[in-house]
Amino acid sequence: MLDVNAGPLIGVKLHLLTRKSLGGIQTDLSSRALDDAGEPISGLYAAGEAAGFGGGGLHGYNSPEGTFLNGCIFSGRAAGRAVAGTS
């Protein structure tokens, strides 16, 4: 980008369209999916957007897209540890 011989830089403004519910599968702290009674469903885990982590609005420029990545990583890590038996 800083090479003056590479030509001019061109900026493009993007407005990303995303749809997220901020809902999802109810989980416990080990990312185990829970049934209607709040009991873990054997062998079923949910992480990231499936567990309710996601963006905030219909359009990227109206919501903090990308700010929920930590929640997605955290829930995926919790699920992986639970599956591996190291939680």
PDB file of N, CA and C in Angstrom:
ATOM      1  N   MET A   1       0.806  -1.203   0.000  1.00  0.00           N
ATOM      2  CA  MET A   1       0.000   0.000   0.000  1.00  0.00           C
ATOM      3  C   MET A   1       0.849   1.267   0.000  1.00  0.00           C
ATOM      4  N   LEU A   2       2.020   1.196   0.573  1.00  0.00           N
ATOM      5  CA  LEU A   2       2.833   2.397   0.688  1.00  0.00           C
ATOM      6  C   LEU A   2       3.796   2.585  -0.477  1.00  0.00           C
ATOM      7  N   ASP A   3       3.799   1.661  -1.435  1.00  0.00           N
ATOM      8  CA  ASP A   3       4.674   1.763  -2.590  1.00  0.00           C
ATOM      9  C   ASP A   3       4.104   2.798  -3.561  1.00  0.00           C
ATOM     10  N   VAL A   4       4.799   3.935  -3.751  1.00  0.00           N
ATOM     11  CA  VAL A   4       4.298   5.006  -4.614  1.00  0.00           C
ATOM     12  C   VAL A   4       4.239   4.580  -6.072  1.00  0.00           C
ATOM     13  N   ASN A   5       4.961   3.537  -6.452  1.00  0.00           N
ATOM     14  CA  ASN A   5       4.942   3.054  -7.833  1.00  0.00           C
ATOM     15  C   ASN A   5       3.794   2.080  -8.108  1.00  0.00           C
ATOM     16  N   ALA A   6       3.035   1.737  -7.076  1.00  0.00           N
ATOM     17  CA  ALA A   6       1.947   0.768  -7.227  1.00  0.00           C
ATOM     18  C   ALA A   6       0.672   1.412  -7.750  1.00  0.00           C
ATOM     19  N   GLY A   7       0.675   2.698  -7.956  1.00  0.00           N
ATOM     20  CA  GLY A   7      -0.515   3.374  -8.478  1.00  0.00           C
ATOM     21  C   GLY A   7      -1.328   4.022  -7.372  1.00  0.00           C
ATOM     22  N   PRO A   8      -2.368   4.730  -7.753  1.00  0.00           N
ATOM     23  CA  PRO A   8      -3.165   5.424  -6.732  1.00  0.00           C
ATOM     24  C   PRO A   8      -4.010   4.441  -5.916  1.00  0.00           C
ATOM     25  N   LEU A   9      -4.254   4.816  -4.683  1.00  0.00           N
ATOM     26  CA  LEU A   9      -5.142   4.028  -3.828  1.00  0.00           C
ATOM     27  C   LEU A   9      -6.576   4.460  -4.098  1.00  0.00           C
ATOM     28  N   ILE A  10      -7.480   3.530  -4.055  1.00  0.00           N
ATOM     29  CA  ILE A  10      -8.892   3.815  -4.281  1.00  0.00           C
ATOM     30  C   ILE A  10      -9.659   3.380  -3.045  1.00  0.00           C
ATOM     31  N   GLY A  11     -10.475   4.252  -2.494  1.00  0.00           N
ATOM     32  CA  GLY A  11     -11.301   3.935  -1.340  1.00  0.00           C
ATOM     33  C   GLY A  11     -12.712   3.597  -1.775  1.00  0.00           C
ATOM     34  N   VAL A  12     -13.293   2.602  -1.147  1.00  0.00           N
ATOM     35  CA  VAL A  12     -14.658   2.196  -1.461  1.00  0.00           C
ATOM     36  C   VAL A  12     -15.437   2.101  -0.156  1.00  0.00           C
ATOM     37  N   LYS A  13     -16.584   2.756  -0.096  1.00  0.00           N
ATOM     38  CA  LYS A  13     -17.428   2.684   1.094  1.00  0.00           C
ATOM     39  C   LYS A  13     -18.411   1.536   0.919  1.00  0.00           C
ATOM     40  N   LEU A  14     -18.404   0.611   1.872  1.00  0.00           N
ATOM     41  CA  LEU A  14     -19.286  -0.550   1.813  1.00  0.00           C
ATOM     42  C   LEU A  14     -20.326  -0.469   2.920  1.00  0.00           C
ATOM     43  N   HIS A  15     -21.524  -0.890   2.613  1.00  0.00           N
ATOM     44  CA  HIS A  15     -22.582  -1.036   3.609  1.00  0.00           C
ATOM     45  C   HIS A  15     -23.034  -2.489   3.564  1.00  0.00           C
ATOM     46  N   LEU A  16     -22.562  -3.262   4.520  1.00  0.00           N
ATOM     47  CA  LEU A  16     -22.850  -4.684   4.526  1.00  0.00           C
ATOM     48  C   LEU A  16     -24.262  -4.944   5.035  1.00  0.00           C
ATOM     49  N   LEU A  17     -24.947  -5.862   4.410  1.00  0.00           N
ATOM     50  CA  LEU A  17     -26.282  -6.238   4.828  1.00  0.00           C
ATOM     51  C   LEU A  17     -26.201  -7.548   5.592  1.00  0.00           C
ATOM     52  N   THR A  18     -26.636  -7.538   6.820  1.00  0.00           N
ATOM     53  CA  THR A  18     -26.646  -8.757   7.623  1.00  0.00           C
ATOM     54  C   THR A  18     -27.976  -8.866   8.340  1.00  0.00           C
ATOM     55  N   ARG A  19     -28.352 -10.072   8.633  1.00  0.00           N
ATOM     56  CA  ARG A  19     -29.574 -10.300   9.415  1.00  0.00           C
ATOM     57  C   ARG A  19     -29.217 -11.248  10.540  1.00  0.00           C
ATOM     58  N   LYS A  20     -29.485 -10.825  11.742  1.00  0.00           N
ATOM     59  CA  LYS A  20     -29.172 -11.635  12.911  1.00  0.00           C
ATOM     60  C   LYS A  20     -30.300 -11.478  13.915  1.00  0.00           C
ATOM     61  N   SER A  21     -30.592 -12.531  14.619  1.00  0.00           N
ATOM     62  CA  SER A  21     -31.726 -12.496  15.531  1.00  0.00           C
ATOM     63  C   SER A  21     -31.344 -12.122  16.958  1.00  0.00           C
ATOM     64  N   LEU A  22     -30.082 -12.269  17.315  1.00  0.00           N
ATOM     65  CA  LEU A  22     -29.639 -12.147  18.701  1.00  0.00           C
ATOM     66  C   LEU A  22     -30.433 -13.076  19.600  1.00  0.00           C
ATOM     67  N   GLY A  23     -30.963 -14.108  19.019  1.00  0.00           N
ATOM     68  CA  GLY A  23     -31.640 -15.178  19.739  1.00  0.00           C
ATOM     69  C   GLY A  23     -30.813 -16.417  19.524  1.00  0.00           C
ATOM     70  N   GLY A  24     -31.395 -17.547  19.614  1.00  0.00           N
ATOM     71  CA  GLY A  24     -30.658 -18.755  19.311  1.00  0.00           C
ATOM     72  C   GLY A  24     -30.982 -19.872  20.261  1.00  0.00           C
ATOM     73  N   ILE A  25     -30.181 -20.884  20.182  1.00  0.00           N
ATOM     74  CA  ILE A  25     -30.363 -22.077  21.000  1.00  0.00           C
ATOM     75  C   ILE A  25     -29.912 -21.767  22.417  1.00  0.00           C
ATOM     76  N   GLN A  26     -30.736 -22.098  23.385  1.00  0.00           N
ATOM     77  CA  GLN A  26     -30.364 -21.863  24.783  1.00  0.00           C
ATOM     78  C   GLN A  26     -29.273 -22.843  25.171  1.00  0.00           C
ATOM     79  N   THR A  27     -28.204 -22.312  25.792  1.00  0.00           N
ATOM     80  CA  THR A  27     -27.067 -23.137  26.188  1.00  0.00           C
ATOM     81  C   THR A  27     -26.700 -22.875  27.635  1.00  0.00           C
ATOM     82  N   ASP A  28     -25.903 -23.798  28.188  1.00  0.00           N
ATOM     83  CA  ASP A  28     -25.322 -23.562  29.509  1.00  0.00           C
ATOM     84  C   ASP A  28     -23.909 -23.011  29.312  1.00  0.00           C
ATOM     85  N   LEU A  29     -23.143 -22.869  30.379  1.00  0.00           N
ATOM     86  CA  LEU A  29     -21.807 -22.277  30.277  1.00  0.00           C
ATOM     87  C   LEU A  29     -20.800 -23.173  29.570  1.00  0.00           C
ATOM     88  N   SER A  30     -21.154 -24.428  29.325  1.00  0.00           N
ATOM     89  CA  SER A  30     -20.299 -25.330  28.547  1.00  0.00           C
ATOM     90  C   SER A  30     -20.748 -25.409  27.104  1.00  0.00           C
ATOM     91  N   SER A  31     -21.658 -24.524  26.703  1.00  0.00           N
ATOM     92  CA  SER A  31     -22.216 -24.461  25.347  1.00  0.00           C
ATOM     93  C   SER A  31     -23.046 -25.695  24.990  1.00  0.00           C
ATOM     94  N   ARG A  32     -23.495 -26.457  26.009  1.00  0.00           N
ATOM     95  CA  ARG A  32     -24.388 -27.584  25.747  1.00  0.00           C
ATOM     96  C   ARG A  32     -25.778 -27.031  25.451  1.00  0.00           C
ATOM     97  N   ALA A  33     -26.402 -27.518  24.393  1.00  0.00           N
ATOM     98  CA  ALA A  33     -27.760 -27.092  24.059  1.00  0.00           C
ATOM     99  C   ALA A  33     -28.722 -27.634  25.115  1.00  0.00           C
ATOM    100  N   LEU A  34     -29.694 -26.790  25.479  1.00  0.00           N
ATOM    101  CA  LEU A  34     -30.654 -27.173  26.520  1.00  0.00           C
ATOM    102  C   LEU A  34     -32.021 -27.416  25.908  1.00  0.00           C
ATOM    103  N   ASP A  35     -32.769 -28.349  26.519  1.00  0.00           N
ATOM    104  CA  ASP A  35     -34.128 -28.610  26.061  1.00  0.00           C
ATOM    105  C   ASP A  35     -35.098 -27.612  26.705  1.00  0.00           C
ATOM    106  N   ASP A  36     -36.402 -27.806  26.473  1.00  0.00           N
ATOM    107  CA  ASP A  36     -37.407 -26.883  27.008  1.00  0.00           C
ATOM    108  C   ASP A  36     -37.413 -26.824  28.528  1.00  0.00           C
ATOM    109  N   ALA A  37     -36.969 -27.898  29.175  1.00  0.00           N
ATOM    110  CA  ALA A  37     -36.927 -27.943  30.634  1.00  0.00           C
ATOM    111  C   ALA A  37     -35.613 -27.392  31.184  1.00  0.00           C
ATOM    112  N   GLY A  38     -34.710 -26.968  30.285  1.00  0.00           N
ATOM    113  CA  GLY A  38     -33.428 -26.430  30.724  1.00  0.00           C
ATOM    114  C   GLY A  38     -32.385 -27.493  30.997  1.00  0.00           C
ATOM    115  N   GLU A  39     -32.636 -28.712  30.553  1.00  0.00           N
ATOM    116  CA  GLU A  39     -31.688 -29.810  30.749  1.00  0.00           C
ATOM    117  C   GLU A  39     -30.830 -29.976  29.497  1.00  0.00           C
ATOM    118  N   PRO A  40     -29.536 -30.312  29.670  1.00  0.00           N
ATOM    119  CA  PRO A  40     -28.666 -30.503  28.507  1.00  0.00           C
ATOM    120  C   PRO A  40     -29.144 -31.645  27.624  1.00  0.00           C
ATOM    121  N   ILE A  41     -29.062 -31.444  26.305  1.00  0.00           N
ATOM    122  CA  ILE A  41     -29.368 -32.484  25.327  1.00  0.00           C
ATOM    123  C   ILE A  41     -28.054 -33.198  25.035  1.00  0.00           C
ATOM    124  N   SER A  42     -28.019 -34.482  25.285  1.00  0.00           N
ATOM    125  CA  SER A  42     -26.782 -35.254  25.161  1.00  0.00           C
ATOM    126  C   SER A  42     -26.155 -35.121  23.775  1.00  0.00           C
ATOM    127  N   GLY A  43     -24.875 -34.701  23.752  1.00  0.00           N
ATOM    128  CA  GLY A  43     -24.113 -34.627  22.512  1.00  0.00           C
ATOM    129  C   GLY A  43     -24.409 -33.438  21.619  1.00  0.00           C
ATOM    130  N   LEU A  44     -25.257 -32.501  22.064  1.00  0.00           N
ATOM    131  CA  LEU A  44     -25.605 -31.355  21.230  1.00  0.00           C
ATOM    132  C   LEU A  44     -25.058 -30.073  21.846  1.00  0.00           C
ATOM    133  N   TYR A  45     -24.267 -29.348  21.064  1.00  0.00           N
ATOM    134  CA  TYR A  45     -23.647 -28.108  21.503  1.00  0.00           C
ATOM    135  C   TYR A  45     -23.993 -27.001  20.517  1.00  0.00           C
ATOM    136  N   ALA A  46     -23.977 -25.763  20.978  1.00  0.00           N
ATOM    137  CA  ALA A  46     -24.225 -24.623  20.100  1.00  0.00           C
ATOM    138  C   ALA A  46     -23.231 -23.526  20.455  1.00  0.00           C
ATOM    139  N   ALA A  47     -22.729 -22.846  19.427  1.00  0.00           N
ATOM    140  CA  ALA A  47     -21.756 -21.777  19.646  1.00  0.00           C
ATOM    141  C   ALA A  47     -21.969 -20.697  18.603  1.00  0.00           C
ATOM    142  N   GLY A  48     -21.394 -19.530  18.844  1.00  0.00           N
ATOM    143  CA  GLY A  48     -21.476 -18.433  17.883  1.00  0.00           C
ATOM    144  C   GLY A  48     -22.896 -17.954  17.681  1.00  0.00           C
ATOM    145  N   GLU A  49     -23.251 -17.659  16.428  1.00  0.00           N
ATOM    146  CA  GLU A  49     -24.560 -17.114  16.138  1.00  0.00           C
ATOM    147  C   GLU A  49     -25.688 -18.087  16.451  1.00  0.00           C
ATOM    148  N   ALA A  50     -25.420 -19.394  16.368  1.00  0.00           N
ATOM    149  CA  ALA A  50     -26.453 -20.376  16.713  1.00  0.00           C
ATOM    150  C   ALA A  50     -26.853 -20.267  18.178  1.00  0.00           C
ATOM    151  N   ALA A  51     -25.934 -19.792  18.998  1.00  0.00           N
ATOM    152  CA  ALA A  51     -26.210 -19.635  20.424  1.00  0.00           C
ATOM    153  C   ALA A  51     -26.567 -18.195  20.782  1.00  0.00           C
ATOM    154  N   GLY A  52     -26.816 -17.361  19.781  1.00  0.00           N
ATOM    155  CA  GLY A  52     -27.270 -16.009  20.054  1.00  0.00           C
ATOM    156  C   GLY A  52     -26.241 -14.917  19.921  1.00  0.00           C
ATOM    157  N   PHE A  53     -24.989 -15.240  19.617  1.00  0.00           N
ATOM    158  CA  PHE A  53     -23.996 -14.202  19.402  1.00  0.00           C
ATOM    159  C   PHE A  53     -24.059 -13.765  17.954  1.00  0.00           C
ATOM    160  N   GLY A  54     -24.122 -12.465  17.721  1.00  0.00           N
ATOM    161  CA  GLY A  54     -24.173 -11.961  16.360  1.00  0.00           C
ATOM    162  C   GLY A  54     -24.146 -10.452  16.350  1.00  0.00           C
ATOM    163  N   GLY A  55     -24.401  -9.861  15.221  1.00  0.00           N
ATOM    164  CA  GLY A  55     -24.382  -8.406  15.069  1.00  0.00           C
ATOM    165  C   GLY A  55     -25.643  -7.753  15.597  1.00  0.00           C
ATOM    166  N   GLY A  56     -25.746  -6.434  15.438  1.00  0.00           N
ATOM    167  CA  GLY A  56     -26.800  -5.722  16.113  1.00  0.00           C
ATOM    168  C   GLY A  56     -27.947  -5.223  15.274  1.00  0.00           C
ATOM    169  N   GLY A  57     -27.863  -5.145  13.969  1.00  0.00           N
ATOM    170  CA  GLY A  57     -28.956  -4.554  13.229  1.00  0.00           C
ATOM    171  C   GLY A  57     -29.058  -5.105  11.829  1.00  0.00           C
ATOM    172  N   LEU A  58     -29.904  -4.500  11.017  1.00  0.00           N
ATOM    173  CA  LEU A  58     -30.120  -4.961   9.650  1.00  0.00           C
ATOM    174  C   LEU A  58     -28.950  -4.594   8.752  1.00  0.00           C
ATOM    175  N   HIS A  59     -28.368  -3.424   8.955  1.00  0.00           N
ATOM    176  CA  HIS A  59     -27.278  -2.965   8.102  1.00  0.00           C
ATOM    177  C   HIS A  59     -26.005  -2.795   8.927  1.00  0.00           C
ATOM    178  N   GLY A  60     -24.873  -3.158   8.318  1.00  0.00           N
ATOM    179  CA  GLY A  60     -23.597  -3.049   9.007  1.00  0.00           C
ATOM    180  C   GLY A  60     -23.292  -1.650   9.497  1.00  0.00           C
ATOM    181  N   TYR A  61     -23.716  -0.604   8.743  1.00  0.00           N
ATOM    182  CA  TYR A  61     -23.376   0.750   9.174  1.00  0.00           C
ATOM    183  C   TYR A  61     -24.279   1.243  10.295  1.00  0.00           C
ATOM    184  N   ASN A  62     -25.299   0.480  10.660  1.00  0.00           N
ATOM    185  CA  ASN A  62     -26.151   0.842  11.797  1.00  0.00           C
ATOM    186  C   ASN A  62     -25.885  -0.019  13.018  1.00  0.00           C
ATOM    187  N   SER A  63     -24.953  -0.928  12.931  1.00  0.00           N
ATOM    188  CA  SER A  63     -24.712  -1.833  14.046  1.00  0.00           C
ATOM    189  C   SER A  63     -23.227  -2.091  14.201  1.00  0.00           C
ATOM    190  N   PRO A  64     -22.827  -2.533  15.384  1.00  0.00           N
ATOM    191  CA  PRO A  64     -21.413  -2.754  15.640  1.00  0.00           C
ATOM    192  C   PRO A  64     -20.946  -4.110  15.134  1.00  0.00           C
ATOM    193  N   GLU A  65     -21.002  -4.349  13.827  1.00  0.00           N
ATOM    194  CA  GLU A  65     -20.592  -5.641  13.285  1.00  0.00           C
ATOM    195  C   GLU A  65     -19.141  -5.935  13.665  1.00  0.00           C
ATOM    196  N   GLY A  66     -18.891  -7.172  13.968  1.00  0.00           N
ATOM    197  CA  GLY A  66     -17.544  -7.596  14.333  1.00  0.00           C
ATOM    198  C   GLY A  66     -17.278  -7.524  15.818  1.00  0.00           C
ATOM    199  N   THR A  67     -18.091  -6.801  16.561  1.00  0.00           N
ATOM    200  CA  THR A  67     -17.822  -6.661  17.988  1.00  0.00           C
ATOM    201  C   THR A  67     -18.257  -7.887  18.770  1.00  0.00           C
ATOM    202  N   PHE A  68     -18.979  -8.814  18.149  1.00  0.00           N
ATOM    203  CA  PHE A  68     -19.420 -10.014  18.838  1.00  0.00           C
ATOM    204  C   PHE A  68     -18.491 -11.191  18.567  1.00  0.00           C
ATOM    205  N   LEU A  69     -17.397 -10.949  17.849  1.00  0.00           N
ATOM    206  CA  LEU A  69     -16.474 -12.035  17.528  1.00  0.00           C
ATOM    207  C   LEU A  69     -15.945 -12.698  18.799  1.00  0.00           C
ATOM    208  N   ASN A  70     -15.654 -11.916  19.820  1.00  0.00           N
ATOM    209  CA  ASN A  70     -15.143 -12.501  21.066  1.00  0.00           C
ATOM    210  C   ASN A  70     -16.146 -13.469  21.668  1.00  0.00           C
ATOM    211  N   GLY A  71     -17.435 -13.126  21.629  1.00  0.00           N
ATOM    212  CA  GLY A  71     -18.449 -14.029  22.152  1.00  0.00           C
ATOM    213  C   GLY A  71     -18.535 -15.314  21.359  1.00  0.00           C
ATOM    214  N   CYS A  72     -18.366 -15.215  20.042  1.00  0.00           N
ATOM    215  CA  CYS A  72     -18.378 -16.405  19.194  1.00  0.00           C
ATOM    216  C   CYS A  72     -17.183 -17.297  19.503  1.00  0.00           C
ATOM    217  N   ILE A  73     -16.014 -16.680  19.651  1.00  0.00           N
ATOM    218  CA  ILE A  73     -14.813 -17.447  19.969  1.00  0.00           C
ATOM    219  C   ILE A  73     -14.931 -18.078  21.355  1.00  0.00           C
ATOM    220  N   PHE A  74     -15.438 -17.315  22.317  1.00  0.00           N
ATOM    221  CA  PHE A  74     -15.585 -17.825  23.679  1.00  0.00           C
ATOM    222  C   PHE A  74     -16.518 -19.034  23.717  1.00  0.00           C
ATOM    223  N   SER A  75     -17.686 -18.926  23.068  1.00  0.00           N
ATOM    224  CA  SER A  75     -18.644 -20.032  23.111  1.00  0.00           C
ATOM    225  C   SER A  75     -18.125 -21.238  22.336  1.00  0.00           C
ATOM    226  N   GLY A  76     -17.412 -21.010  21.234  1.00  0.00           N
ATOM    227  CA  GLY A  76     -16.816 -22.123  20.497  1.00  0.00           C
ATOM    228  C   GLY A  76     -15.737 -22.827  21.300  1.00  0.00           C
ATOM    229  N   ARG A  77     -14.956 -22.051  22.013  1.00  0.00           N
ATOM    230  CA  ARG A  77     -13.904 -22.625  22.865  1.00  0.00           C
ATOM    231  C   ARG A  77     -14.526 -23.434  23.998  1.00  0.00           C
ATOM    232  N   ALA A  78     -15.582 -22.901  24.615  1.00  0.00           N
ATOM    233  CA  ALA A  78     -16.261 -23.621  25.692  1.00  0.00           C
ATOM    234  C   ALA A  78     -16.842 -24.943  25.182  1.00  0.00           C
ATOM    235  N   ALA A  79     -17.455 -24.893  23.989  1.00  0.00           N
ATOM    236  CA  ALA A  79     -18.017 -26.126  23.416  1.00  0.00           C
ATOM    237  C   ALA A  79     -16.909 -27.138  23.121  1.00  0.00           C
ATOM    238  N   GLY A  80     -15.815 -26.679  22.523  1.00  0.00           N
ATOM    239  CA  GLY A  80     -14.702 -27.583  22.211  1.00  0.00           C
ATOM    240  C   GLY A  80     -14.109 -28.228  23.450  1.00  0.00           C
ATOM    241  N   ARG A  81     -13.957 -27.442  24.500  1.00  0.00           N
ATOM    242  CA  ARG A  81     -13.416 -27.995  25.751  1.00  0.00           C
ATOM    243  C   ARG A  81     -14.385 -29.006  26.360  1.00  0.00           C
ATOM    244  N   ALA A  82     -15.684 -28.701  26.308  1.00  0.00           N
ATOM    245  CA  ALA A  82     -16.675 -29.619  26.869  1.00  0.00           C
ATOM    246  C   ALA A  82     -16.686 -30.934  26.099  1.00  0.00           C
ATOM    247  N   VAL A  83     -16.622 -30.863  24.764  1.00  0.00           N
ATOM    248  CA  VAL A  83     -16.609 -32.068  23.940  1.00  0.00           C
ATOM    249  C   VAL A  83     -15.354 -32.901  24.244  1.00  0.00           C
ATOM    250  N   ALA A  84     -14.223 -32.210  24.406  1.00  0.00           N
ATOM    251  CA  ALA A  84     -12.963 -32.898  24.677  1.00  0.00           C
ATOM    252  C   ALA A  84     -12.863 -33.373  26.128  1.00  0.00           C
ATOM    253  N   GLY A  85     -13.779 -32.923  26.979  1.00  0.00           N
ATOM    254  CA  GLY A  85     -13.733 -33.315  28.382  1.00  0.00           C
ATOM    255  C   GLY A  85     -12.696 -32.580  29.185  1.00  0.00           C
ATOM    256  N   THR A  86     -12.292 -31.397  28.723  1.00  0.00           N
ATOM    257  CA  THR A  86     -11.262 -30.618  29.441  1.00  0.00           C
ATOM    258  C   THR A  86     -11.817 -29.340  30.022  1.00  0.00           C
ATOM    259  N   SER A  87     -13.142 -29.233  30.156  1.00  0.00           N
ATOM    260  CA  SER A  87     -13.713 -27.997  30.710  1.00  0.00           C
ATOM    261  C   SER A  87     -13.639 -28.047  32.177  1.00  0.00           C
TER     262      SER A  87
END
